[in-house]
Amino acid sequence: EVHQMFLEVDVIYLGAGNTMTLLEAFAKWELEALLKQLSKSKVIVGISAGANVLCEYGYSDSFQAQCELIKGIGIVPCVFTPHAQQEERQSFDEDSLFYEGIKVKANDLEAYLYQDTKILKI
């Protein structure tokens, strides 16, 4: 079972791809609540779409060439964009004006750590 696999590992890695496809998989296998619970005791790593889904909102081109904010599962309290150096992501600041919390713009080859309510660039 999928849930059992998550329970047995020390680190959960959510890879790149399509943000909406990943969220649909979470819904299909009822993983959102489990991941939120496991985030208190396990390391969860996300890259690109995998990072988008961990945040409150992720900036994604899942639907079209133009990026838009997609609601994630909210483990990390921020609005996030991977690949921030890309031209199509330059509207992130304007599109995320509604969000009053932390905004993270991650360029390729950058990493951030969320720990003890802080987001740190590492």
N, C-alpha and C. Protein backbone atom coordinates (compact mmCIF):
# COMPACT_ATOMS: atom_id res chain seq x y z
N GLU A 1 0.84 -1.19 0.00
CA GLU A 1 0.00 0.00 0.00
C GLU A 1 0.89 1.25 0.00
N VAL A 2 0.40 2.29 -0.65
CA VAL A 2 1.15 3.54 -0.78
C VAL A 2 1.42 4.16 0.58
N HIS A 3 0.42 4.22 1.44
CA HIS A 3 0.61 4.82 2.77
C HIS A 3 1.71 4.10 3.54
N GLN A 4 1.73 2.80 3.47
CA GLN A 4 2.73 2.02 4.20
C GLN A 4 4.14 2.34 3.71
N MET A 5 4.29 2.54 2.41
CA MET A 5 5.61 2.90 1.87
C MET A 5 6.10 4.21 2.47
N PHE A 6 5.21 5.19 2.57
CA PHE A 6 5.58 6.48 3.15
C PHE A 6 5.95 6.35 4.63
N LEU A 7 5.24 5.49 5.33
CA LEU A 7 5.51 5.29 6.75
C LEU A 7 6.85 4.62 7.01
N GLU A 8 7.33 3.82 6.07
CA GLU A 8 8.53 3.04 6.29
C GLU A 8 9.83 3.75 5.93
N VAL A 9 9.78 4.88 5.26
CA VAL A 9 11.00 5.56 4.83
C VAL A 9 11.36 6.70 5.77
N ASP A 10 12.62 7.11 5.73
CA ASP A 10 13.08 8.24 6.54
C ASP A 10 12.96 9.56 5.80
N VAL A 11 13.10 9.51 4.47
CA VAL A 11 13.05 10.72 3.65
C VAL A 11 12.04 10.50 2.53
N ILE A 12 11.21 11.51 2.30
CA ILE A 12 10.24 11.47 1.21
C ILE A 12 10.68 12.51 0.19
N TYR A 13 10.89 12.07 -1.04
CA TYR A 13 11.36 12.94 -2.12
C TYR A 13 10.24 13.11 -3.14
N LEU A 14 9.82 14.35 -3.34
CA LEU A 14 8.79 14.66 -4.33
C LEU A 14 9.48 15.31 -5.52
N GLY A 15 9.50 14.65 -6.63
CA GLY A 15 10.27 15.09 -7.78
C GLY A 15 9.57 16.15 -8.61
N ALA A 16 10.25 16.50 -9.70
CA ALA A 16 9.77 17.51 -10.64
C ALA A 16 8.72 16.90 -11.55
N GLY A 17 8.10 17.74 -12.32
CA GLY A 17 7.08 17.29 -13.28
C GLY A 17 5.97 18.31 -13.37
N ASN A 18 4.76 17.85 -13.26
CA ASN A 18 3.58 18.70 -13.39
C ASN A 18 2.92 18.84 -12.02
N THR A 19 2.80 20.06 -11.54
CA THR A 19 2.24 20.33 -10.21
C THR A 19 0.83 19.75 -10.07
N MET A 20 -0.02 19.99 -11.06
CA MET A 20 -1.41 19.51 -10.96
C MET A 20 -1.48 17.99 -10.98
N THR A 21 -0.64 17.35 -11.77
CA THR A 21 -0.62 15.88 -11.80
C THR A 21 -0.24 15.33 -10.44
N LEU A 22 0.73 15.96 -9.80
CA LEU A 22 1.15 15.52 -8.47
C LEU A 22 0.03 15.73 -7.44
N LEU A 23 -0.64 16.87 -7.49
CA LEU A 23 -1.76 17.11 -6.57
C LEU A 23 -2.91 16.12 -6.82
N GLU A 24 -3.15 15.78 -8.08
CA GLU A 24 -4.19 14.79 -8.39
C GLU A 24 -3.81 13.41 -7.82
N ALA A 25 -2.53 13.07 -7.89
CA ALA A 25 -2.08 11.81 -7.30
C ALA A 25 -2.26 11.82 -5.79
N PHE A 26 -1.98 12.96 -5.16
CA PHE A 26 -2.19 13.08 -3.71
C PHE A 26 -3.65 12.83 -3.37
N ALA A 27 -4.55 13.40 -4.16
CA ALA A 27 -5.99 13.22 -3.91
C ALA A 27 -6.39 11.76 -4.13
N LYS A 28 -5.91 11.17 -5.22
CA LYS A 28 -6.27 9.78 -5.55
C LYS A 28 -5.88 8.83 -4.42
N TRP A 29 -4.68 9.02 -3.88
CA TRP A 29 -4.17 8.11 -2.85
C TRP A 29 -4.34 8.66 -1.43
N GLU A 30 -5.08 9.77 -1.31
CA GLU A 30 -5.37 10.38 0.00
C GLU A 30 -4.08 10.61 0.80
N LEU A 31 -3.14 11.31 0.17
CA LEU A 31 -1.82 11.52 0.77
C LEU A 31 -1.66 12.84 1.51
N GLU A 32 -2.52 13.81 1.26
CA GLU A 32 -2.32 15.13 1.85
C GLU A 32 -2.25 15.07 3.38
N ALA A 33 -3.22 14.49 4.02
CA ALA A 33 -3.23 14.41 5.48
C ALA A 33 -2.04 13.61 6.00
N LEU A 34 -1.72 12.53 5.30
CA LEU A 34 -0.58 11.70 5.72
C LEU A 34 0.72 12.50 5.64
N LEU A 35 0.94 13.21 4.55
CA LEU A 35 2.17 14.01 4.41
C LEU A 35 2.24 15.11 5.47
N LYS A 36 1.12 15.73 5.76
CA LYS A 36 1.11 16.76 6.81
C LYS A 36 1.50 16.15 8.15
N GLN A 37 0.98 14.98 8.44
CA GLN A 37 1.33 14.29 9.69
C GLN A 37 2.81 13.91 9.69
N LEU A 38 3.29 13.34 8.60
CA LEU A 38 4.67 12.88 8.52
C LEU A 38 5.68 14.02 8.50
N SER A 39 5.25 15.21 8.11
CA SER A 39 6.17 16.35 8.07
C SER A 39 6.67 16.73 9.46
N LYS A 40 6.01 16.26 10.49
CA LYS A 40 6.44 16.54 11.86
C LYS A 40 7.57 15.61 12.31
N SER A 41 7.76 14.49 11.59
CA SER A 41 8.75 13.52 12.04
C SER A 41 9.72 13.04 10.95
N LYS A 42 9.46 13.38 9.71
CA LYS A 42 10.30 12.92 8.61
C LYS A 42 10.79 14.11 7.78
N VAL A 43 11.83 13.88 7.04
CA VAL A 43 12.32 14.87 6.09
C VAL A 43 11.54 14.70 4.80
N ILE A 44 10.96 15.80 4.32
CA ILE A 44 10.25 15.78 3.04
C ILE A 44 10.93 16.79 2.13
N VAL A 45 11.36 16.32 0.98
CA VAL A 45 12.10 17.14 0.03
C VAL A 45 11.27 17.28 -1.24
N GLY A 46 11.24 18.49 -1.79
CA GLY A 46 10.55 18.69 -3.06
C GLY A 46 11.41 19.49 -4.00
N ILE A 47 11.38 19.14 -5.27
CA ILE A 47 12.10 19.87 -6.30
C ILE A 47 11.09 20.27 -7.37
N SER A 48 11.10 21.53 -7.76
CA SER A 48 10.22 22.07 -8.79
C SER A 48 8.76 21.80 -8.42
N ALA A 49 8.05 20.98 -9.20
CA ALA A 49 6.64 20.70 -8.89
C ALA A 49 6.49 20.09 -7.50
N GLY A 50 7.45 19.28 -7.10
CA GLY A 50 7.41 18.68 -5.76
C GLY A 50 7.47 19.72 -4.66
N ALA A 51 8.23 20.78 -4.88
CA ALA A 51 8.29 21.88 -3.91
C ALA A 51 7.01 22.71 -3.97
N ASN A 52 6.50 22.94 -5.18
CA ASN A 52 5.25 23.70 -5.32
C ASN A 52 4.14 23.10 -4.47
N VAL A 53 3.97 21.80 -4.53
CA VAL A 53 2.84 21.18 -3.83
C VAL A 53 2.99 21.24 -2.31
N LEU A 54 4.21 21.35 -1.81
CA LEU A 54 4.42 21.42 -0.36
C LEU A 54 4.04 22.76 0.23
N CYS A 55 4.00 23.79 -0.60
CA CYS A 55 3.74 25.16 -0.13
C CYS A 55 2.24 25.48 -0.15
N GLU A 56 1.89 26.61 0.47
CA GLU A 56 0.49 27.04 0.42
C GLU A 56 0.06 27.30 -1.01
N TYR A 57 0.94 27.97 -1.76
CA TYR A 57 0.70 28.21 -3.18
C TYR A 57 2.00 27.99 -3.93
N GLY A 58 1.89 27.40 -5.11
CA GLY A 58 3.04 27.23 -5.98
C GLY A 58 2.75 27.85 -7.33
N TYR A 59 3.76 28.43 -7.93
CA TYR A 59 3.63 29.09 -9.23
C TYR A 59 3.94 28.06 -10.30
N SER A 60 2.96 27.75 -11.13
CA SER A 60 3.08 26.60 -12.02
C SER A 60 2.57 26.91 -13.42
N ASP A 61 3.15 26.21 -14.38
CA ASP A 61 2.66 26.27 -15.75
C ASP A 61 1.95 24.96 -16.11
N SER A 62 1.32 24.35 -15.14
CA SER A 62 0.66 23.05 -15.34
C SER A 62 -0.45 23.10 -16.39
N PHE A 63 -1.10 24.22 -16.54
CA PHE A 63 -2.25 24.31 -17.44
C PHE A 63 -1.92 24.89 -18.80
N GLN A 64 -0.93 25.77 -18.83
CA GLN A 64 -0.63 26.49 -20.07
C GLN A 64 0.77 27.07 -19.98
N ALA A 65 1.18 27.76 -21.03
CA ALA A 65 2.52 28.34 -21.05
C ALA A 65 2.67 29.46 -20.01
N GLN A 66 1.58 30.14 -19.69
CA GLN A 66 1.61 31.21 -18.70
C GLN A 66 1.46 30.62 -17.30
N CYS A 67 2.31 31.05 -16.39
CA CYS A 67 2.26 30.53 -15.02
C CYS A 67 1.10 31.12 -14.24
N GLU A 68 0.63 30.37 -13.28
CA GLU A 68 -0.39 30.85 -12.36
C GLU A 68 -0.19 30.17 -11.01
N LEU A 69 -0.77 30.78 -9.99
CA LEU A 69 -0.65 30.22 -8.64
C LEU A 69 -1.65 29.08 -8.47
N ILE A 70 -1.15 27.99 -7.91
CA ILE A 70 -1.96 26.81 -7.64
C ILE A 70 -1.87 26.51 -6.15
N LYS A 71 -3.00 26.24 -5.53
CA LYS A 71 -3.01 25.94 -4.09
C LYS A 71 -2.34 24.59 -3.85
N GLY A 72 -1.32 24.61 -2.97
CA GLY A 72 -0.64 23.39 -2.58
C GLY A 72 -1.23 22.81 -1.31
N ILE A 73 -0.50 21.92 -0.65
CA ILE A 73 -1.04 21.28 0.56
C ILE A 73 -0.69 22.05 1.83
N GLY A 74 0.16 23.06 1.73
CA GLY A 74 0.36 23.99 2.83
C GLY A 74 1.27 23.55 3.95
N ILE A 75 2.12 22.57 3.73
CA ILE A 75 3.08 22.19 4.78
C ILE A 75 4.06 23.33 5.04
N VAL A 76 4.48 23.98 3.96
CA VAL A 76 5.39 25.12 4.08
C VAL A 76 4.57 26.39 3.87
N PRO A 77 4.52 27.27 4.88
CA PRO A 77 3.66 28.45 4.81
C PRO A 77 4.29 29.57 3.97
N CYS A 78 4.18 29.40 2.65
CA CYS A 78 4.71 30.43 1.76
C CYS A 78 4.06 30.28 0.40
N VAL A 79 4.32 31.26 -0.45
CA VAL A 79 4.01 31.14 -1.87
C VAL A 79 5.37 30.99 -2.55
N PHE A 80 5.46 30.04 -3.49
CA PHE A 80 6.74 29.60 -4.00
C PHE A 80 6.75 29.53 -5.52
N THR A 81 7.88 29.92 -6.11
CA THR A 81 8.09 29.63 -7.52
C THR A 81 9.46 29.00 -7.71
N PRO A 82 9.49 27.86 -8.39
CA PRO A 82 10.78 27.33 -8.83
C PRO A 82 11.16 28.01 -10.14
N HIS A 83 12.40 27.87 -10.56
CA HIS A 83 12.86 28.38 -11.86
C HIS A 83 12.60 29.88 -11.99
N ALA A 84 12.82 30.63 -10.91
CA ALA A 84 12.46 32.04 -10.87
C ALA A 84 13.20 32.88 -11.91
N GLN A 85 14.32 32.40 -12.40
CA GLN A 85 15.09 33.16 -13.39
C GLN A 85 14.45 33.11 -14.78
N GLN A 86 13.50 32.22 -15.00
CA GLN A 86 12.88 32.08 -16.32
C GLN A 86 11.95 33.25 -16.62
N GLU A 87 11.95 33.65 -17.86
CA GLU A 87 11.15 34.80 -18.31
C GLU A 87 9.67 34.66 -17.95
N GLU A 88 9.10 33.47 -18.16
CA GLU A 88 7.67 33.27 -17.90
C GLU A 88 7.31 33.33 -16.42
N ARG A 89 8.31 33.41 -15.55
CA ARG A 89 8.05 33.49 -14.11
C ARG A 89 8.20 34.91 -13.57
N GLN A 90 8.46 35.86 -14.44
CA GLN A 90 8.70 37.23 -13.99
C GLN A 90 7.45 37.92 -13.46
N SER A 91 6.27 37.39 -13.74
CA SER A 91 5.03 37.97 -13.22
C SER A 91 4.68 37.44 -11.82
N PHE A 92 5.56 36.63 -11.24
CA PHE A 92 5.31 36.06 -9.91
C PHE A 92 5.03 37.14 -8.87
N ASP A 93 5.84 38.19 -8.83
CA ASP A 93 5.64 39.24 -7.82
C ASP A 93 4.26 39.86 -7.92
N GLU A 94 3.84 40.17 -9.12
CA GLU A 94 2.53 40.78 -9.32
C GLU A 94 1.41 39.78 -9.00
N ASP A 95 1.56 38.55 -9.46
CA ASP A 95 0.52 37.54 -9.26
C ASP A 95 0.37 37.13 -7.80
N SER A 96 1.40 37.35 -6.99
CA SER A 96 1.34 36.93 -5.59
C SER A 96 1.13 38.11 -4.63
N LEU A 97 0.72 39.27 -5.15
CA LEU A 97 0.50 40.44 -4.30
C LEU A 97 -0.51 40.18 -3.19
N PHE A 98 -1.51 39.34 -3.44
CA PHE A 98 -2.56 39.07 -2.45
C PHE A 98 -2.01 38.39 -1.20
N TYR A 99 -0.90 37.70 -1.34
CA TYR A 99 -0.36 36.86 -0.26
C TYR A 99 0.51 37.72 0.65
N GLU A 100 0.16 37.76 1.92
CA GLU A 100 0.87 38.63 2.86
C GLU A 100 2.02 37.94 3.59
N GLY A 101 2.19 36.66 3.39
CA GLY A 101 3.23 35.91 4.07
C GLY A 101 4.54 35.89 3.28
N ILE A 102 5.30 34.86 3.52
CA ILE A 102 6.62 34.71 2.92
C ILE A 102 6.48 34.30 1.45
N LYS A 103 7.31 34.93 0.61
CA LYS A 103 7.37 34.60 -0.81
C LYS A 103 8.78 34.12 -1.12
N VAL A 104 8.88 32.98 -1.78
CA VAL A 104 10.18 32.40 -2.10
C VAL A 104 10.30 32.27 -3.61
N LYS A 105 11.33 32.92 -4.15
CA LYS A 105 11.65 32.82 -5.57
C LYS A 105 12.96 32.05 -5.68
N ALA A 106 12.87 30.80 -6.09
CA ALA A 106 14.04 29.93 -6.16
C ALA A 106 14.53 29.81 -7.61
N ASN A 107 15.74 30.25 -7.84
CA ASN A 107 16.37 30.02 -9.13
C ASN A 107 16.83 28.57 -9.21
N ASP A 108 17.10 28.11 -10.41
CA ASP A 108 17.66 26.76 -10.56
C ASP A 108 18.95 26.67 -9.76
N LEU A 109 19.21 25.51 -9.20
CA LEU A 109 20.40 25.21 -8.40
C LEU A 109 20.42 25.91 -7.04
N GLU A 110 19.28 26.42 -6.58
CA GLU A 110 19.17 26.98 -5.24
C GLU A 110 18.34 26.04 -4.38
N ALA A 111 18.61 26.06 -3.08
CA ALA A 111 17.88 25.20 -2.16
C ALA A 111 17.44 26.02 -0.94
N TYR A 112 16.28 25.66 -0.41
CA TYR A 112 15.74 26.32 0.77
C TYR A 112 15.35 25.25 1.79
N LEU A 113 15.47 25.62 3.05
CA LEU A 113 15.13 24.72 4.14
C LEU A 113 14.03 25.36 4.97
N TYR A 114 12.96 24.61 5.21
CA TYR A 114 11.91 25.07 6.11
C TYR A 114 12.06 24.29 7.41
N GLN A 115 12.34 25.03 8.49
CA GLN A 115 12.53 24.38 9.79
C GLN A 115 12.17 25.37 10.90
N ASP A 116 11.42 24.90 11.85
CA ASP A 116 11.05 25.72 13.02
C ASP A 116 10.45 27.06 12.60
N THR A 117 9.51 27.04 11.68
CA THR A 117 8.77 28.19 11.18
C THR A 117 9.62 29.18 10.38
N LYS A 118 10.82 28.81 9.99
CA LYS A 118 11.69 29.71 9.21
C LYS A 118 12.02 29.05 7.87
N ILE A 119 12.16 29.88 6.85
CA ILE A 119 12.61 29.42 5.54
C ILE A 119 13.97 30.03 5.29
N LEU A 120 14.96 29.17 5.13
CA LEU A 120 16.34 29.61 4.99
C LEU A 120 16.91 29.16 3.66
N LYS A 121 17.61 30.07 2.98
CA LYS A 121 18.32 29.70 1.77
C LYS A 121 19.61 29.00 2.18
N ILE A 122 19.87 27.83 1.61
CA ILE A 122 21.09 27.09 1.99
C ILE A 122 21.98 26.87 0.79
